Amino acid sequence: MHWYDAVMQTEELVLTNRDGKRMPATLARPQGESKGLVLILHGLGGWKDLVLLKKVSDFFLSEGYTTFRFNDSDSIISPDQDHFHSTTTKYTEDLDDVLVYLRTQEWYSQPFTLVGHSMGGLIAAWYAARNPEDVRQLIELAPAVSWKSMWFFQLPWALLTMIRGHASLLEIDGKKFRLSPLWWNDFCKFDGYAYARAITAPTLIVSAERDHTVAKPFVHRSYTKLFRNAQHSTISWADHDFDGHEDEVVATIEQWLTSS
């Protein structure tokens, strides 16, 4: 069966976090017995139905896995979002709240595969380092790594934002959103370089050659060397969201799963 021919059972859900804010989610289950769970995390300003994430979900579904993806409570399209005051810490809390729900479901299985795009990749690494028994495999797609890797093109701007107290402007699909200065203060608490050394799960890191957002391929190559068991791959000509290159990302994941 080809990954795009997947027969699925899909359910749209709305979860609630600890603050009572709603988080839309999609559960997709294969016909027959599931091989396990794949949990998919979007990036800052992203959402669960990004083409890249849907195609990754469809691929794993066709391989016999249950997939679950959700919008964090402050995602730009979540019903109760306050994107201006969103932080990476709040996203990690949302992930913890989602896992509380997942563990009550009969289809939940552990260890699971954890997939994260952009900031979701950093959060996935954060979780895998703290909960090695939960994570079977880790897949990071154009992941954010650390403030330490952003100095050459973003950190000066970020420091100015924090010092002056100005809001940061984030442009996504032609729409502009503002981030509080608190976002940068909070982001600096997260360090993928430190997490990598503690991660035991086999890891795949996929870079986008034309990524000008969170980290360039040479940063990801250095990052990969810190893991106990990791492989790095770069998708040529791709931008941060891998627009038009989603099938190449899926093929890279498939090849890695086959060889690992």
Protein backbone atom coordinates (compact mmCIF):
# COMPACT_ATOMS: atom_id res chain seq x y z
CA MET A 1 0.00 0.00 0.00
CA HIS A 2 1.26 3.49 -0.81
CA TRP A 3 1.23 6.00 2.05
CA TYR A 4 -1.20 8.25 0.18
CA ASP A 5 -3.71 5.38 -0.22
CA ALA A 6 -4.18 4.99 3.54
CA VAL A 7 -7.56 3.78 4.74
CA MET A 8 -8.21 5.56 7.97
CA GLN A 9 -10.63 6.23 10.76
CA THR A 10 -10.35 9.93 11.58
CA GLU A 11 -11.88 11.73 14.54
CA GLU A 12 -11.80 15.45 15.23
CA LEU A 13 -11.56 16.24 18.95
CA VAL A 14 -11.35 19.30 21.16
CA LEU A 15 -9.22 18.84 24.28
CA THR A 16 -9.04 21.28 27.19
CA ASN A 17 -5.83 22.29 28.94
CA ARG A 18 -5.28 23.03 32.62
CA ASP A 19 -6.44 26.62 32.11
CA GLY A 20 -9.68 25.63 30.41
CA LYS A 21 -8.47 26.65 26.94
CA ARG A 22 -9.50 24.50 23.99
CA MET A 23 -7.05 22.57 21.80
CA PRO A 24 -8.43 21.13 18.52
CA ALA A 25 -6.96 17.71 17.74
CA THR A 26 -7.06 14.99 15.09
CA LEU A 27 -6.92 11.28 15.86
CA ALA A 28 -6.35 8.91 12.94
CA ARG A 29 -6.46 5.14 13.44
CA PRO A 30 -5.57 2.40 10.95
CA GLN A 31 -7.83 -0.46 10.02
CA GLY A 32 -6.89 -3.44 12.13
CA GLU A 33 -4.36 -3.62 14.93
CA SER A 34 -2.16 -0.58 15.44
CA LYS A 35 1.64 -0.86 15.51
CA GLY A 36 1.87 2.01 17.97
CA LEU A 37 1.24 5.71 18.48
CA VAL A 38 2.80 8.65 16.63
CA LEU A 39 2.41 12.04 18.33
CA ILE A 40 2.99 15.07 16.07
CA LEU A 41 3.84 18.62 17.26
CA HIS A 42 3.55 21.77 15.14
CA GLY A 43 5.81 24.81 15.39
CA LEU A 44 5.44 28.38 16.63
CA GLY A 45 2.65 30.04 14.70
CA GLY A 46 1.82 26.68 13.16
CA TRP A 47 -1.09 24.33 13.39
CA LYS A 48 -1.82 20.61 13.23
CA ASP A 49 -3.13 20.70 9.65
CA LEU A 50 -0.01 22.09 8.03
CA VAL A 51 0.42 20.12 4.78
CA LEU A 52 3.75 18.73 6.00
CA LEU A 53 2.25 17.36 9.21
CA LYS A 54 -0.80 15.89 7.50
CA LYS A 55 1.40 14.03 5.03
CA VAL A 56 3.63 12.70 7.79
CA SER A 57 0.51 11.57 9.63
CA ASP A 58 -0.89 9.87 6.51
CA PHE A 59 2.38 8.04 5.95
CA PHE A 60 2.50 6.60 9.46
CA LEU A 61 -1.18 5.73 9.24
CA SER A 62 -0.59 3.74 6.06
CA GLU A 63 2.17 1.88 7.87
CA GLY A 64 -0.32 0.79 10.53
CA TYR A 65 0.25 3.40 13.25
CA THR A 66 -2.25 5.49 15.18
CA THR A 67 -1.46 9.20 14.81
CA PHE A 68 -2.44 12.13 16.98
CA ARG A 69 -1.78 15.81 16.30
CA PHE A 70 -3.14 18.88 18.05
CA ASN A 71 -3.05 22.67 18.11
CA ASP A 72 -1.51 24.11 21.24
CA SER A 73 -3.88 26.39 23.16
CA ASP A 74 -2.24 29.56 21.82
CA SER A 75 -1.87 28.40 18.22
CA ILE A 76 -2.91 31.18 15.85
CA ILE A 77 -6.08 29.26 14.92
CA SER A 78 -7.02 27.80 18.33
CA PRO A 79 -10.42 29.09 19.54
CA ASP A 80 -9.15 30.57 22.83
CA GLN A 81 -5.71 31.60 21.62
CA ASP A 82 -3.71 34.49 23.03
CA HIS A 83 -0.82 34.18 20.61
CA PHE A 84 0.72 37.45 21.76
CA HIS A 85 1.37 35.97 25.20
CA SER A 86 2.27 32.46 24.03
CA THR A 87 5.50 30.91 25.32
CA THR A 88 7.42 27.70 24.82
CA THR A 89 6.75 26.80 28.45
CA LYS A 90 2.99 27.05 27.88
CA TYR A 91 3.33 24.74 24.89
CA THR A 92 5.15 22.15 27.03
CA GLU A 93 2.32 22.38 29.56
CA ASP A 94 -0.20 21.79 26.77
CA LEU A 95 1.79 18.73 25.70
CA ASP A 96 1.68 17.39 29.26
CA ASP A 97 -2.08 17.99 29.38
CA VAL A 98 -2.57 16.19 26.06
CA LEU A 99 -0.60 13.21 27.36
CA VAL A 100 -2.80 13.07 30.46
CA TYR A 101 -5.75 12.63 28.10
CA LEU A 102 -3.98 10.15 25.80
CA ARG A 103 -3.07 7.85 28.67
CA THR A 104 -6.76 7.37 29.46
CA GLN A 105 -7.54 6.05 25.97
CA GLU A 106 -7.71 2.36 25.11
CA TRP A 107 -5.70 2.92 21.92
CA TYR A 108 -2.80 4.64 23.71
CA SER A 109 0.50 2.78 23.56
CA GLN A 110 3.95 3.47 24.94
CA PRO A 111 6.71 4.00 23.98
CA PHE A 112 5.52 6.19 21.11
CA THR A 113 7.11 7.94 18.15
CA LEU A 114 7.42 11.70 18.66
CA VAL A 115 7.55 14.03 15.64
CA GLY A 116 8.13 17.78 15.93
CA HIS A 117 8.40 20.56 13.37
CA SER A 118 10.30 23.80 14.09
CA MET A 119 9.59 24.82 17.70
CA GLY A 120 7.72 21.55 18.03
CA GLY A 121 11.04 19.83 17.33
CA LEU A 122 12.69 21.58 20.25
CA ILE A 123 9.77 20.66 22.50
CA ALA A 124 9.95 17.07 21.30
CA ALA A 125 13.65 16.97 22.25
CA TRP A 126 12.83 18.55 25.62
CA TYR A 127 10.26 15.82 26.29
CA ALA A 128 12.40 12.93 25.02
CA ALA A 129 15.31 13.96 27.24
CA ARG A 130 13.11 13.99 30.35
CA ASN A 131 11.04 10.92 29.55
CA PRO A 132 13.29 8.42 27.75
CA GLU A 133 11.01 5.50 28.61
CA ASP A 134 8.12 7.14 26.73
CA VAL A 135 9.80 7.76 23.38
CA ARG A 136 10.58 4.95 20.93
CA GLN A 137 11.77 7.20 18.08
CA LEU A 138 12.29 10.94 17.70
CA ILE A 139 11.86 12.78 14.39
CA GLU A 140 12.73 16.48 14.19
CA LEU A 141 11.79 18.44 11.07
CA ALA A 142 13.64 21.76 10.64
CA PRO A 143 13.86 21.94 14.43
CA ALA A 144 14.66 24.94 16.55
CA VAL A 145 17.76 24.04 18.57
CA SER A 146 18.72 26.81 21.01
CA TRP A 147 19.11 30.55 21.31
CA LYS A 148 22.84 29.78 21.09
CA SER A 149 22.44 28.74 17.46
CA MET A 150 20.48 31.85 16.46
CA TRP A 151 23.01 34.54 17.29
CA PHE A 152 24.25 35.07 13.76
CA PHE A 153 20.95 36.35 12.41
CA GLN A 154 18.24 36.55 15.06
CA LEU A 155 19.71 36.95 18.52
CA PRO A 156 20.66 40.66 18.24
CA TRP A 157 17.10 41.45 17.22
CA ALA A 158 15.77 39.28 20.06
CA LEU A 159 17.95 41.00 22.67
CA LEU A 160 16.78 44.40 21.46
CA THR A 161 13.21 43.19 21.75
CA MET A 162 13.72 42.05 25.34
CA ILE A 163 15.64 45.16 26.44
CA ARG A 164 13.26 47.70 24.94
CA GLY A 165 10.14 45.69 25.71
CA HIS A 166 8.89 45.84 22.13
CA ALA A 167 6.69 43.16 20.64
CA SER A 168 8.14 40.91 17.95
CA LEU A 169 6.37 40.66 14.61
CA LEU A 170 5.83 37.18 13.20
CA GLU A 171 4.65 36.77 9.61
CA ILE A 172 2.99 33.49 8.68
CA ASP A 173 1.38 32.83 5.31
CA GLY A 174 1.15 36.56 4.67
CA LYS A 175 -0.52 37.28 8.00
CA LYS A 176 1.22 39.20 10.76
CA PHE A 177 1.12 38.28 14.45
CA ARG A 178 2.84 39.84 17.42
CA LEU A 179 4.75 38.09 20.18
CA SER A 180 5.29 39.52 23.63
CA PRO A 181 8.90 40.20 24.72
CA LEU A 182 8.27 37.49 27.30
CA TRP A 183 8.41 34.92 24.51
CA TRP A 184 12.14 35.48 23.97
CA ASN A 185 12.85 35.49 27.71
CA ASP A 186 11.11 32.15 28.01
CA PHE A 187 12.65 30.64 24.87
CA CYS A 188 16.14 31.19 26.28
CA LYS A 189 15.36 28.62 28.99
CA PHE A 190 15.28 25.83 26.39
CA ASP A 191 18.48 24.30 25.04
CA GLY A 192 18.42 21.45 22.54
CA TYR A 193 22.19 21.04 22.83
CA ALA A 194 21.76 19.94 26.44
CA TYR A 195 18.76 17.74 25.69
CA ALA A 196 20.55 15.88 22.87
CA ARG A 197 23.07 14.30 25.24
CA ALA A 198 20.27 12.81 27.35
CA ILE A 199 18.14 11.40 24.53
CA THR A 200 18.36 7.63 24.12
CA ALA A 201 15.78 7.15 21.35
CA PRO A 202 16.96 6.76 17.73
CA THR A 203 16.62 10.21 16.18
CA LEU A 204 16.18 11.62 12.68
CA ILE A 205 16.86 15.32 12.04
CA VAL A 206 15.73 16.72 8.70
CA SER A 207 16.91 20.16 7.57
CA ALA A 208 15.52 22.47 4.91
CA GLU A 209 18.32 23.81 2.71
CA ARG A 210 16.75 27.27 2.42
CA ASP A 211 15.65 27.59 6.04
CA HIS A 212 16.14 31.15 7.25
CA THR A 213 13.91 30.77 10.31
CA VAL A 214 15.36 28.82 13.26
CA ALA A 215 18.50 26.95 12.21
CA LYS A 216 20.45 26.25 9.06
CA PRO A 217 21.59 22.76 7.97
CA PHE A 218 25.15 23.25 9.26
CA VAL A 219 23.70 23.92 12.73
CA HIS A 220 21.62 20.75 12.54
CA ARG A 221 24.67 18.73 11.43
CA SER A 222 26.58 19.82 14.54
CA TYR A 223 23.49 19.22 16.68
CA THR A 224 23.13 15.66 15.34
CA LYS A 225 26.62 14.74 16.56
CA LEU A 226 25.55 15.29 20.17
CA PHE A 227 22.97 12.49 20.11
CA ARG A 228 23.77 8.91 20.98
CA ASN A 229 22.02 7.58 17.89
CA ALA A 230 21.01 10.17 15.31
CA GLN A 231 20.99 10.69 11.55
CA HIS A 232 20.83 13.97 9.65
CA SER A 233 19.41 14.66 6.20
CA THR A 234 18.85 17.86 4.19
CA ILE A 235 16.06 18.45 1.69
CA SER A 236 17.48 20.51 -1.18
CA TRP A 237 15.79 23.79 -2.10
CA ALA A 238 13.22 23.41 0.68
CA ASP A 239 12.04 26.29 2.88
CA HIS A 240 11.29 26.03 6.58
CA ASP A 241 7.86 24.45 6.08
CA PHE A 242 9.10 22.18 3.27
CA ASP A 243 6.43 23.65 0.97
CA GLY A 244 6.29 21.51 -2.17
CA HIS A 245 8.84 19.08 -0.69
CA GLU A 246 6.59 17.23 1.75
CA ASP A 247 6.82 13.96 -0.20
CA GLU A 248 10.62 14.14 -0.01
CA VAL A 249 10.39 14.49 3.75
CA VAL A 250 8.12 11.45 3.93
CA ALA A 251 10.51 9.45 1.72
CA THR A 252 13.40 10.42 4.01
CA ILE A 253 11.46 9.24 7.06
CA GLU A 254 10.51 6.00 5.33
CA GLN A 255 14.12 5.29 4.35
CA TRP A 256 15.33 6.00 7.88
CA LEU A 257 12.71 3.72 9.42
CA THR A 258 13.66 0.94 7.03
CA SER A 259 17.38 1.22 7.69
CA SER A 260 17.24 1.75 11.45
